[in-house]
Amino acid sequence: MFNNIFGRFSRDMGIDLGTANTLVYVKDRGIVINEPSVVAINTRTDEILAVGEEAQKMVGKTPSHIVASRPLVDGVISDFEVTERMLKHFIDKVHHESFAILPRPRVVIGIPLGVTEVERKAVEDATLHAGAREVYLIEEPMAAAIGTRLPIQDATGNMVVDIGGGTTEIAVISLGGVVAWKSLRTAGNELNENIVSYARDHFNLLLGERTAEEIKIAIGSASDEVEEQSAEMRGRDLISGLPKEVTITSSQVREAIARSTRLIIDNIKSTIENTPPELVADIYSRGIVLCGGGALLRGLDRAIHRETEIPVHIADDPLTCVVRGTGIVLEDLDHLRNVLVLSTQNDSLPRF
């Protein structure tokens, strides 16, 4: 009863709970939060010092009693309590200027393909404990397809590749369901680690994670057809222990991340091989849609096209596809009920 009363003053939300970034869509307002999934906690007082952008600035720069951590690993919750507190922070932030004394919104939240029932329940419980009155789960590739306005309810094959921070989700969708799919633990964070390893092996240079990510964004590429560029990277010399700066080229970055990009492309081909031929014919004419931050890697669309001989399209604003999809579901829950994942609370689809 109280949930329904408080719910009238709450703003329903769609959340893309990503390994690297969390985005929040609010009904009738659009995307209002786009911040890193990082939380800084003072271990002496157990209080949260910062969430999102502010906490991201602290990564690798904190004293021993402050921990700046990512509570999600490979798309699933690794630290339940911190995830719950992060979600509560975002829910309170959305309702900061409203009349809701105790926010109780309905929340549509994206989850990776193939997660276990325990992992699903962890997402539901963390969201409910953070203040939601109802939680609806949707698979991220499905949300991304809805966010890019693909006709998912039609008897037509739609192929979506969502390359996030922790996972790469490859899915063929038809008639409101996933027909063939692959979920990889190789994505944006893995590419950063590849660059860190390359700098260590080839330059005796120890890089920070944020520096590696900046290099990837600045000059990273997956195809030799893109323009050659270079950038300075700074870290610690492993021999002298002193600061060191070296120049790295885009071809060297491409070499560093080659194994990971190869793995993504091979799994796209494998998913196509496991797709019914009628749907493959649709995909051949309609193309593959790339979503997520990894879609912005230069030349990745060309590399995939070269290997599969299928047209590849990068979605408009690929970083927000999933959260836009959760928002569309939120705005029209009645008609899009069939795309939701079964709830672990009672193993049935939620009633509206």
Protein backbone atom coordinates (compact mmCIF):
# COMPACT_ATOMS: atom_id res chain seq x y z
CA MET A 1 0.00 0.00 0.00
CA PHE A 2 2.72 2.46 1.06
CA ASN A 3 4.76 1.52 -2.04
CA ASN A 4 1.81 2.52 -4.26
CA ILE A 5 1.37 5.82 -2.41
CA PHE A 6 5.08 6.68 -2.62
CA GLY A 7 5.12 5.37 -6.19
CA ARG A 8 2.70 8.09 -7.33
CA PHE A 9 5.35 10.70 -6.55
CA SER A 10 8.26 8.66 -7.93
CA ARG A 11 9.79 8.79 -11.39
CA ASP A 12 9.98 5.45 -13.19
CA MET A 13 13.48 4.67 -14.46
CA GLY A 14 15.31 2.62 -17.08
CA ILE A 15 18.87 1.68 -16.09
CA ASP A 16 21.79 0.38 -18.14
CA LEU A 17 23.87 -1.07 -15.31
CA GLY A 18 27.18 -1.46 -17.13
CA THR A 19 30.62 -2.60 -16.03
CA ALA A 20 32.16 0.70 -17.15
CA ASN A 21 29.25 3.16 -17.09
CA THR A 22 25.76 3.39 -15.62
CA LEU A 23 23.12 5.31 -17.58
CA VAL A 24 19.70 6.25 -16.24
CA TYR A 25 16.59 7.10 -18.30
CA VAL A 26 13.69 8.80 -16.53
CA LYS A 27 10.17 8.54 -17.91
CA ASP A 28 9.12 11.71 -19.76
CA ARG A 29 12.58 13.28 -19.24
CA GLY A 30 15.04 11.13 -21.19
CA ILE A 31 18.61 10.23 -20.17
CA VAL A 32 19.50 12.16 -17.03
CA ILE A 33 22.58 10.27 -15.72
CA ASN A 34 25.61 8.95 -17.60
CA GLU A 35 28.42 8.26 -15.15
CA PRO A 36 31.17 5.66 -14.60
CA SER A 37 30.19 2.63 -12.47
CA VAL A 38 32.73 3.51 -9.78
CA VAL A 39 32.21 4.01 -6.05
CA ALA A 40 34.74 5.49 -3.60
CA ILE A 41 34.32 4.32 0.01
CA ASN A 42 36.10 5.37 3.21
CA THR A 43 36.81 2.00 4.87
CA ARG A 44 37.32 3.62 8.29
CA THR A 45 33.82 5.13 8.47
CA ASP A 46 32.14 2.90 5.83
CA GLU A 47 30.69 5.99 4.14
CA ILE A 48 30.49 6.65 0.42
CA LEU A 49 32.75 9.55 -0.53
CA ALA A 50 31.88 9.74 -4.22
CA VAL A 51 30.00 7.95 -6.99
CA GLY A 52 30.46 8.16 -10.76
CA GLU A 53 32.62 10.92 -12.24
CA GLU A 54 34.06 12.06 -8.89
CA ALA A 55 34.94 8.49 -7.88
CA GLN A 56 36.48 7.82 -11.32
CA LYS A 57 38.97 10.64 -10.72
CA MET A 58 40.13 8.84 -7.56
CA VAL A 59 40.96 5.49 -9.22
CA GLY A 60 44.62 4.66 -8.64
CA LYS A 61 45.16 7.81 -6.57
CA THR A 62 43.68 6.94 -3.16
CA PRO A 63 45.30 6.48 0.27
CA SER A 64 45.00 3.06 1.95
CA HIS A 65 41.73 3.83 3.79
CA ILE A 66 39.86 4.93 0.64
CA VAL A 67 38.85 2.31 -1.90
CA ALA A 68 37.65 3.35 -5.37
CA SER A 69 36.19 0.21 -6.92
CA ARG A 70 33.93 -1.02 -9.70
CA PRO A 71 31.16 -3.13 -8.11
CA LEU A 72 30.40 -4.88 -11.42
CA VAL A 73 32.76 -7.27 -13.18
CA ASP A 74 32.06 -8.72 -16.64
CA GLY A 75 28.53 -7.32 -16.59
CA VAL A 76 27.46 -9.00 -13.32
CA ILE A 77 27.46 -7.81 -9.71
CA SER A 78 30.63 -8.69 -7.82
CA ASP A 79 29.96 -6.52 -4.75
CA PHE A 80 26.28 -6.60 -3.83
CA GLU A 81 26.35 -4.00 -1.05
CA VAL A 82 28.30 -1.40 -3.03
CA THR A 83 26.07 -1.91 -6.09
CA GLU A 84 23.00 -1.39 -3.93
CA ARG A 85 24.43 1.84 -2.50
CA MET A 86 25.39 3.06 -5.97
CA LEU A 87 21.86 2.41 -7.28
CA LYS A 88 20.35 4.13 -4.23
CA HIS A 89 22.59 7.15 -4.93
CA PHE A 90 21.32 7.37 -8.53
CA ILE A 91 17.65 6.88 -7.51
CA ASP A 92 17.96 9.63 -4.87
CA LYS A 93 19.76 11.89 -7.39
CA VAL A 94 16.89 11.51 -9.88
CA HIS A 95 14.32 12.37 -7.20
CA HIS A 96 16.35 15.17 -5.60
CA GLU A 97 14.17 17.93 -7.04
CA SER A 98 10.84 16.08 -6.81
CA PHE A 99 8.32 15.83 -3.98
CA ALA A 100 9.11 12.16 -3.32
CA ILE A 101 10.07 11.82 0.36
CA LEU A 102 10.75 8.11 -0.04
CA PRO A 103 11.23 7.30 -3.77
CA ARG A 104 9.64 4.02 -4.91
CA PRO A 105 10.04 3.97 -8.71
CA ARG A 106 9.42 1.13 -11.14
CA VAL A 107 12.75 0.18 -12.74
CA VAL A 108 13.57 -1.56 -16.04
CA ILE A 109 17.18 -2.75 -15.90
CA GLY A 110 19.40 -4.42 -18.51
CA ILE A 111 21.27 -7.67 -17.83
CA PRO A 112 23.77 -9.63 -19.99
CA LEU A 113 22.69 -12.71 -21.94
CA GLY A 114 23.15 -16.06 -20.27
CA VAL A 115 23.42 -14.85 -16.68
CA THR A 116 22.57 -17.42 -14.01
CA GLU A 117 19.46 -17.26 -11.84
CA VAL A 118 21.67 -16.24 -8.90
CA GLU A 119 23.12 -13.33 -10.90
CA ARG A 120 19.62 -12.27 -12.00
CA LYS A 121 18.40 -12.38 -8.42
CA ALA A 122 21.38 -10.29 -7.30
CA VAL A 123 20.39 -7.52 -9.76
CA GLU A 124 16.74 -7.66 -8.67
CA ASP A 125 17.54 -7.67 -4.95
CA ALA A 126 20.09 -4.86 -5.21
CA THR A 127 17.58 -2.70 -7.12
CA LEU A 128 14.73 -3.47 -4.69
CA HIS A 129 16.93 -2.76 -1.66
CA ALA A 130 18.04 0.50 -3.30
CA GLY A 131 14.40 1.70 -3.26
CA ALA A 132 12.60 0.33 -6.33
CA ARG A 133 9.04 -0.96 -5.81
CA GLU A 134 9.06 -3.13 -8.95
CA VAL A 135 11.98 -4.43 -11.05
CA TYR A 136 11.73 -5.64 -14.65
CA LEU A 137 14.74 -7.30 -16.31
CA ILE A 138 15.56 -7.14 -20.02
CA GLU A 139 18.50 -8.67 -21.89
CA GLU A 140 20.93 -5.98 -23.04
CA PRO A 141 21.02 -6.92 -26.77
CA MET A 142 17.20 -6.86 -26.81
CA ALA A 143 17.22 -3.43 -25.15
CA ALA A 144 19.89 -2.24 -27.62
CA ALA A 145 17.80 -3.47 -30.57
CA ILE A 146 14.74 -1.66 -29.21
CA GLY A 147 16.87 1.45 -28.60
CA THR A 148 18.02 1.45 -32.23
CA ARG A 149 14.38 1.06 -33.37
CA LEU A 150 14.88 -2.33 -35.02
CA PRO A 151 11.61 -4.19 -35.80
CA ILE A 152 12.18 -6.86 -33.15
CA GLN A 153 8.54 -8.03 -33.12
CA ASP A 154 8.53 -8.85 -36.84
CA ALA A 155 9.37 -12.23 -38.39
CA THR A 156 12.66 -10.73 -39.59
CA GLY A 157 16.24 -11.43 -38.53
CA ASN A 158 17.99 -8.58 -36.72
CA MET A 159 21.61 -9.00 -35.61
CA VAL A 160 22.95 -6.82 -32.80
CA VAL A 161 26.51 -6.75 -31.43
CA ASP A 162 26.70 -4.83 -28.15
CA ILE A 163 30.34 -4.26 -27.13
CA GLY A 164 30.38 -2.83 -23.63
CA GLY A 165 33.01 -2.50 -20.94
CA GLY A 166 32.84 -6.02 -19.47
CA THR A 167 30.96 -8.10 -22.02
CA THR A 168 30.32 -8.38 -25.74
CA GLU A 169 26.77 -9.53 -26.45
CA ILE A 170 26.05 -10.96 -29.90
CA ALA A 171 22.41 -11.77 -30.65
CA VAL A 172 20.10 -12.59 -33.54
CA ILE A 173 16.58 -11.40 -32.71
CA SER A 174 13.28 -12.30 -34.36
CA LEU A 175 9.63 -12.23 -33.20
CA GLY A 176 10.52 -10.58 -29.90
CA GLY A 177 13.01 -13.26 -28.84
CA VAL A 178 16.70 -14.16 -29.13
CA VAL A 179 17.22 -16.97 -31.67
CA ALA A 180 21.02 -17.35 -31.56
CA TRP A 181 23.51 -15.66 -29.25
CA LYS A 182 26.99 -15.51 -27.74
CA SER A 183 28.15 -13.66 -24.65
CA LEU A 184 31.88 -12.96 -24.30
CA ARG A 185 33.90 -11.67 -21.39
CA THR A 186 36.05 -9.87 -23.97
CA ALA A 187 35.14 -6.19 -24.37
CA GLY A 188 36.40 -2.65 -23.70
CA ASN A 189 38.16 -3.42 -20.39
CA GLU A 190 39.96 -6.37 -21.97
CA LEU A 191 41.26 -4.07 -24.73
CA ASN A 192 42.62 -1.72 -22.04
CA GLU A 193 44.42 -4.66 -20.40
CA ASN A 194 45.85 -5.65 -23.80
CA ILE A 195 47.39 -2.18 -24.13
CA VAL A 196 48.80 -2.32 -20.58
CA SER A 197 50.39 -5.71 -21.35
CA TYR A 198 51.80 -4.47 -24.68
CA ALA A 199 53.39 -1.41 -23.03
CA ARG A 200 54.94 -3.63 -20.36
CA ASP A 201 56.31 -6.21 -22.82
CA HIS A 202 57.51 -3.86 -25.58
CA PHE A 203 58.45 -0.66 -23.75
CA ASN A 204 59.14 -1.84 -20.15
CA LEU A 205 56.50 0.70 -19.19
CA LEU A 206 53.87 0.23 -16.47
CA LEU A 207 50.67 1.98 -17.51
CA GLY A 208 47.61 2.83 -15.48
CA GLU A 209 44.19 1.58 -16.56
CA ARG A 210 42.87 5.08 -17.28
CA THR A 211 45.93 5.94 -19.39
CA ALA A 212 45.46 2.77 -21.45
CA GLU A 213 41.81 3.65 -22.02
CA GLU A 214 42.73 7.17 -23.14
CA ILE A 215 45.23 5.70 -25.65
CA LYS A 216 42.56 3.29 -26.96
CA ILE A 217 40.03 6.10 -27.42
CA ALA A 218 42.57 8.48 -28.98
CA ILE A 219 44.28 6.24 -31.56
CA GLY A 220 42.88 2.69 -31.20
CA SER A 221 41.75 0.92 -34.37
CA ALA A 222 40.81 -2.54 -35.62
CA SER A 223 41.60 -2.07 -39.32
CA ASP A 224 44.71 -0.98 -41.21
CA GLU A 225 42.47 1.06 -43.52
CA VAL A 226 42.26 3.90 -40.99
CA GLU A 227 44.66 6.84 -40.87
CA GLU A 228 47.93 6.24 -38.98
CA GLN A 229 48.18 8.27 -35.77
CA SER A 230 50.42 8.45 -32.72
CA ALA A 231 50.11 9.48 -29.09
CA GLU A 232 52.31 9.95 -26.05
CA MET A 233 51.84 7.56 -23.16
CA ARG A 234 53.29 8.10 -19.72
CA GLY A 235 53.93 5.61 -16.97
CA ARG A 236 56.63 4.12 -14.78
CA ASP A 237 59.80 2.63 -16.23
CA LEU A 238 59.99 -0.96 -14.94
CA ILE A 239 63.79 -0.92 -15.02
CA SER A 240 64.65 2.43 -13.42
CA GLY A 241 61.38 2.92 -11.53
CA LEU A 242 61.25 6.52 -12.74
CA PRO A 243 58.59 8.27 -14.87
CA LYS A 244 58.88 7.62 -18.59
CA GLU A 245 57.16 8.83 -21.74
CA VAL A 246 57.09 6.95 -25.05
CA THR A 247 55.31 7.44 -28.37
CA ILE A 248 52.95 4.70 -29.53
CA THR A 249 51.37 4.48 -32.98
CA SER A 250 47.90 3.31 -33.96
CA SER A 251 49.41 0.26 -35.73
CA GLN A 252 51.07 -0.77 -32.43
CA VAL A 253 47.76 -0.34 -30.56
CA ARG A 254 46.09 -2.40 -33.28
CA GLU A 255 48.70 -5.12 -32.76
CA ALA A 256 48.11 -4.97 -28.98
CA ILE A 257 44.35 -5.51 -29.24
CA ALA A 258 44.42 -7.81 -32.30
CA ARG A 259 43.75 -11.04 -30.39
CA SER A 260 40.69 -9.61 -28.62
CA THR A 261 39.18 -8.07 -31.77
CA ARG A 262 39.84 -11.36 -33.58
CA LEU A 263 37.95 -13.23 -30.85
CA ILE A 264 34.94 -10.89 -31.17
CA ILE A 265 34.86 -11.27 -34.97
CA ASP A 266 35.21 -15.08 -34.75
CA ASN A 267 32.26 -15.27 -32.35
CA ILE A 268 30.15 -13.08 -34.65
CA LYS A 269 30.87 -15.57 -37.45
CA SER A 270 30.10 -18.50 -35.12
CA THR A 271 26.74 -16.94 -34.16
CA ILE A 272 25.85 -16.51 -37.84
CA GLU A 273 26.73 -20.19 -38.44
CA ASN A 274 24.23 -21.20 -35.71
CA THR A 275 21.44 -19.01 -37.13
CA PRO A 276 18.60 -20.52 -39.24
CA PRO A 277 19.20 -19.84 -42.97
CA GLU A 278 16.03 -17.75 -43.44
CA LEU A 279 17.24 -15.34 -40.76
CA VAL A 280 20.77 -15.31 -42.22
CA ALA A 281 19.21 -14.14 -45.51
CA ASP A 282 17.53 -11.28 -43.61
CA ILE A 283 20.78 -10.35 -41.87
CA TYR A 284 22.63 -10.38 -45.19
CA SER A 285 20.23 -7.78 -46.61
CA ARG A 286 19.68 -5.75 -43.42
CA GLY A 287 23.21 -5.87 -42.00
CA ILE A 288 24.73 -6.12 -38.51
CA VAL A 289 24.17 -3.28 -36.02
CA LEU A 290 27.04 -2.38 -33.66
CA CYS A 291 26.15 -0.86 -30.26
CA GLY A 292 28.02 -0.03 -27.06
CA GLY A 293 31.23 1.90 -26.52
CA GLY A 294 33.28 -0.69 -28.43
CA ALA A 295 31.38 0.21 -31.62
CA LEU A 296 33.35 3.47 -31.62
CA LEU A 297 36.67 1.64 -32.13
CA ARG A 298 37.92 2.92 -35.48
CA GLY A 299 37.69 0.46 -38.36
CA LEU A 300 35.91 -2.28 -36.36
CA ASP A 301 32.91 -2.12 -38.70
CA ARG A 302 35.22 -2.50 -41.71
CA ALA A 303 37.06 -5.43 -40.12
CA ILE A 304 33.77 -7.25 -39.41
CA HIS A 305 32.47 -6.50 -42.92
CA ARG A 306 35.69 -7.83 -44.46
CA GLU A 307 35.39 -11.13 -42.54
CA THR A 308 31.63 -11.71 -42.86
CA GLU A 309 30.84 -9.95 -46.17
CA ILE A 310 27.72 -8.57 -44.46
CA PRO A 311 26.99 -4.82 -44.26
CA VAL A 312 27.84 -3.41 -40.80
CA HIS A 313 26.14 -0.31 -39.38
CA ILE A 314 27.14 1.62 -36.29
CA ALA A 315 24.06 2.66 -34.32
CA ASP A 316 23.32 6.34 -33.74
CA ASP A 317 24.87 7.24 -30.38
CA PRO A 318 25.92 3.60 -29.67
CA LEU A 319 26.78 4.34 -26.02
CA THR A 320 23.13 4.99 -25.12
CA CYS A 321 21.36 2.26 -27.15
CA VAL A 322 20.66 -0.02 -24.17
CA VAL A 323 19.36 2.70 -21.85
CA ARG A 324 17.21 4.15 -24.64
CA GLY A 325 15.76 0.66 -25.12
CA THR A 326 14.93 0.34 -21.40
CA GLY A 327 13.26 3.76 -21.66
CA ILE A 328 11.09 2.70 -24.61
CA VAL A 329 10.05 -0.44 -22.70
CA LEU A 330 9.28 1.70 -19.65
CA GLU A 331 7.06 4.01 -21.72
CA ASP A 332 5.12 1.07 -23.20
CA LEU A 333 5.27 -1.80 -20.70
CA ASP A 334 1.94 -3.30 -21.79
CA HIS A 335 2.90 -3.87 -25.43
CA LEU A 336 6.53 -4.90 -24.78
CA ARG A 337 5.83 -7.30 -21.93
CA ASN A 338 6.99 -10.33 -23.95
CA VAL A 339 10.59 -9.05 -24.27
CA LEU A 340 11.14 -9.03 -20.50
CA VAL A 341 13.08 -11.76 -18.69
CA LEU A 342 11.31 -13.99 -16.15
CA SER A 343 11.44 -12.59 -12.62
CA THR A 344 13.26 -14.71 -10.03
CA GLN A 345 10.81 -13.53 -7.36
CA ASN A 346 8.11 -15.90 -8.57
CA ASP A 347 9.53 -17.14 -11.92
CA SER A 348 6.79 -15.43 -13.87
CA LEU A 349 6.54 -12.26 -15.88
CA PRO A 350 5.50 -9.26 -13.77
CA ARG A 351 1.90 -8.07 -13.93
CA PHE A 352 1.24 -4.49 -14.98
